[in-house]
N, C-alpha and C. Protein backbone atom coordinates (compact mmCIF):
# COMPACT_ATOMS: atom_id res chain seq x y z
N UNK A 1 88.63 142.20 83.15
CA UNK A 1 89.04 141.00 82.44
C UNK A 1 90.43 140.56 82.89
N UNK A 2 91.35 141.54 82.96
CA UNK A 2 92.72 141.23 83.37
C UNK A 2 92.74 140.69 84.81
N UNK A 3 91.84 141.21 85.61
CA UNK A 3 91.72 140.75 87.01
C UNK A 3 91.39 139.26 87.05
N UNK A 4 90.49 138.84 86.17
CA UNK A 4 90.10 137.43 86.13
C UNK A 4 91.26 136.53 85.69
N UNK A 5 92.07 137.05 84.76
CA UNK A 5 93.23 136.27 84.30
C UNK A 5 94.20 136.07 85.47
N UNK A 6 94.45 137.14 86.22
CA UNK A 6 95.34 137.03 87.38
C UNK A 6 94.77 136.05 88.41
N UNK A 7 93.48 136.11 88.59
CA UNK A 7 92.81 135.22 89.54
C UNK A 7 92.96 133.75 89.10
N UNK A 8 92.77 133.51 87.81
CA UNK A 8 92.92 132.15 87.28
C UNK A 8 94.35 131.66 87.44
N UNK A 9 95.32 132.53 87.15
CA UNK A 9 96.72 132.16 87.31
C UNK A 9 97.04 131.84 88.78
N UNK A 10 96.53 132.66 89.67
CA UNK A 10 96.77 132.44 91.10
C UNK A 10 96.14 131.12 91.54
N UNK A 11 94.94 130.85 91.06
CA UNK A 11 94.26 129.61 91.42
C UNK A 11 95.03 128.40 90.89
N UNK A 12 95.52 128.51 89.66
CA UNK A 12 96.31 127.42 89.06
C UNK A 12 97.60 127.20 89.84
N UNK A 13 98.22 128.29 90.26
CA UNK A 13 99.46 128.20 91.02
C UNK A 13 99.23 127.52 92.36
N UNK A 14 98.16 127.91 93.03
CA UNK A 14 97.83 127.30 94.32
C UNK A 14 97.53 125.81 94.13
N UNK A 15 96.81 125.48 93.08
CA UNK A 15 96.51 124.08 92.79
C UNK A 15 97.77 123.27 92.54
N UNK A 16 98.70 123.86 91.80
CA UNK A 16 99.96 123.18 91.51
C UNK A 16 100.76 122.96 92.79
N UNK A 17 100.79 123.98 93.65
CA UNK A 17 101.52 123.86 94.91
C UNK A 17 100.90 122.78 95.79
N UNK A 18 99.58 122.70 95.80
CA UNK A 18 98.88 121.69 96.60
C UNK A 18 99.21 120.29 96.09
N UNK A 19 99.16 120.11 94.77
CA UNK A 19 99.50 118.78 94.20
C UNK A 19 100.95 118.41 94.51
N UNK A 20 101.83 119.39 94.44
CA UNK A 20 103.24 119.16 94.74
C UNK A 20 103.41 118.74 96.20
N UNK A 21 102.72 119.42 97.10
CA UNK A 21 102.80 119.09 98.53
C UNK A 21 102.26 117.69 98.79
N UNK A 22 101.16 117.33 98.13
CA UNK A 22 100.58 116.00 98.31
C UNK A 22 101.53 114.92 97.80
N UNK A 23 102.19 115.18 96.67
CA UNK A 23 103.14 114.23 96.11
C UNK A 23 104.33 114.05 97.05
N UNK A 24 104.83 115.16 97.57
CA UNK A 24 105.96 115.10 98.51
C UNK A 24 105.58 114.31 99.74
N UNK A 25 104.38 114.54 100.26
CA UNK A 25 103.93 113.83 101.45
C UNK A 25 103.83 112.33 101.16
N UNK A 26 103.30 111.98 99.99
CA UNK A 26 103.17 110.57 99.60
C UNK A 26 104.55 109.92 99.49
N UNK A 27 105.50 110.65 98.89
CA UNK A 27 106.87 110.13 98.76
C UNK A 27 107.50 109.90 100.14
N UNK A 28 107.29 110.84 101.05
CA UNK A 28 107.85 110.71 102.40
C UNK A 28 107.23 109.51 103.12
N UNK A 29 105.93 109.29 102.93
CA UNK A 29 105.28 108.14 103.55
C UNK A 29 105.85 106.84 103.00
N UNK A 30 106.13 106.82 101.70
CA UNK A 30 106.69 105.63 101.07
C UNK A 30 108.10 105.35 101.61
N UNK A 31 108.91 106.40 101.73
CA UNK A 31 110.26 106.25 102.27
C UNK A 31 110.20 105.72 103.70
N UNK A 32 109.28 106.27 104.49
CA UNK A 32 109.13 105.84 105.88
C UNK A 32 108.69 104.38 105.94
N UNK A 33 107.77 103.99 105.09
CA UNK A 33 107.28 102.61 105.07
C UNK A 33 108.40 101.65 104.68
N UNK A 34 109.22 102.03 103.69
CA UNK A 34 110.34 101.18 103.29
C UNK A 34 111.34 101.02 104.43
N UNK A 35 111.61 102.13 105.13
CA UNK A 35 112.56 102.09 106.24
C UNK A 35 112.03 101.17 107.35
N UNK A 36 110.75 101.29 107.67
CA UNK A 36 110.15 100.44 108.71
C UNK A 36 110.17 98.97 108.27
N UNK A 37 109.94 98.73 106.99
CA UNK A 37 109.94 97.37 106.47
C UNK A 37 111.33 96.75 106.60
N UNK A 38 112.35 97.53 106.24
CA UNK A 38 113.73 97.02 106.37
C UNK A 38 114.07 96.73 107.83
N UNK A 39 113.62 97.62 108.72
CA UNK A 39 113.88 97.43 110.15
C UNK A 39 113.20 96.16 110.64
N UNK A 40 111.98 95.93 110.19
CA UNK A 40 111.23 94.73 110.59
C UNK A 40 111.91 93.47 110.05
N UNK A 41 112.39 93.53 108.80
CA UNK A 41 113.10 92.39 108.21
C UNK A 41 114.37 92.07 109.01
N UNK A 42 115.08 93.11 109.39
CA UNK A 42 116.31 92.93 110.17
C UNK A 42 116.01 92.32 111.53
N UNK A 43 114.96 92.80 112.17
CA UNK A 43 114.56 92.27 113.48
C UNK A 43 114.15 90.80 113.36
N UNK A 44 113.43 90.46 112.29
CA UNK A 44 113.00 89.09 112.08
C UNK A 44 114.21 88.18 111.86
N UNK A 45 115.19 88.66 111.08
CA UNK A 45 116.40 87.87 110.83
C UNK A 45 117.17 87.65 112.13
N UNK A 46 117.26 88.67 112.97
CA UNK A 46 117.96 88.54 114.25
C UNK A 46 117.23 87.56 115.16
N UNK A 47 115.90 87.60 115.12
CA UNK A 47 115.11 86.69 115.94
C UNK A 47 115.32 85.24 115.47
N UNK A 48 115.34 85.04 114.15
CA UNK A 48 115.60 83.70 113.63
C UNK A 48 116.97 83.19 114.03
N UNK A 49 117.95 84.08 113.96
CA UNK A 49 119.32 83.72 114.33
C UNK A 49 119.38 83.36 115.81
N UNK A 50 118.76 84.16 116.64
CA UNK A 50 118.76 83.90 118.10
C UNK A 50 118.06 82.57 118.38
N UNK A 51 116.99 82.28 117.69
CA UNK A 51 116.27 81.02 117.88
C UNK A 51 117.13 79.84 117.45
N UNK A 52 117.82 79.99 116.30
CA UNK A 52 118.68 78.91 115.80
C UNK A 52 119.82 78.64 116.78
N UNK A 53 120.36 79.71 117.39
CA UNK A 53 121.45 79.53 118.37
C UNK A 53 120.95 78.85 119.63
N UNK A 54 119.69 79.12 119.99
CA UNK A 54 119.14 78.58 121.23
C UNK A 54 118.82 77.09 121.09
N UNK A 55 118.63 76.63 119.88
CA UNK A 55 118.26 75.21 119.68
C UNK A 55 119.45 74.29 119.68
């Protein structure tokens, strides 16, 4: 019986670690997407400025 309790605890711990890893990965993807978005916005602004200067 005690063996089963330890097994359940271990399974719960592994599940918690997996959810934590998935959350961290999702957060990192969001940070990366925001960074790329800001970079794209900056590039677009520079392109608009260059176009305005050329006209």
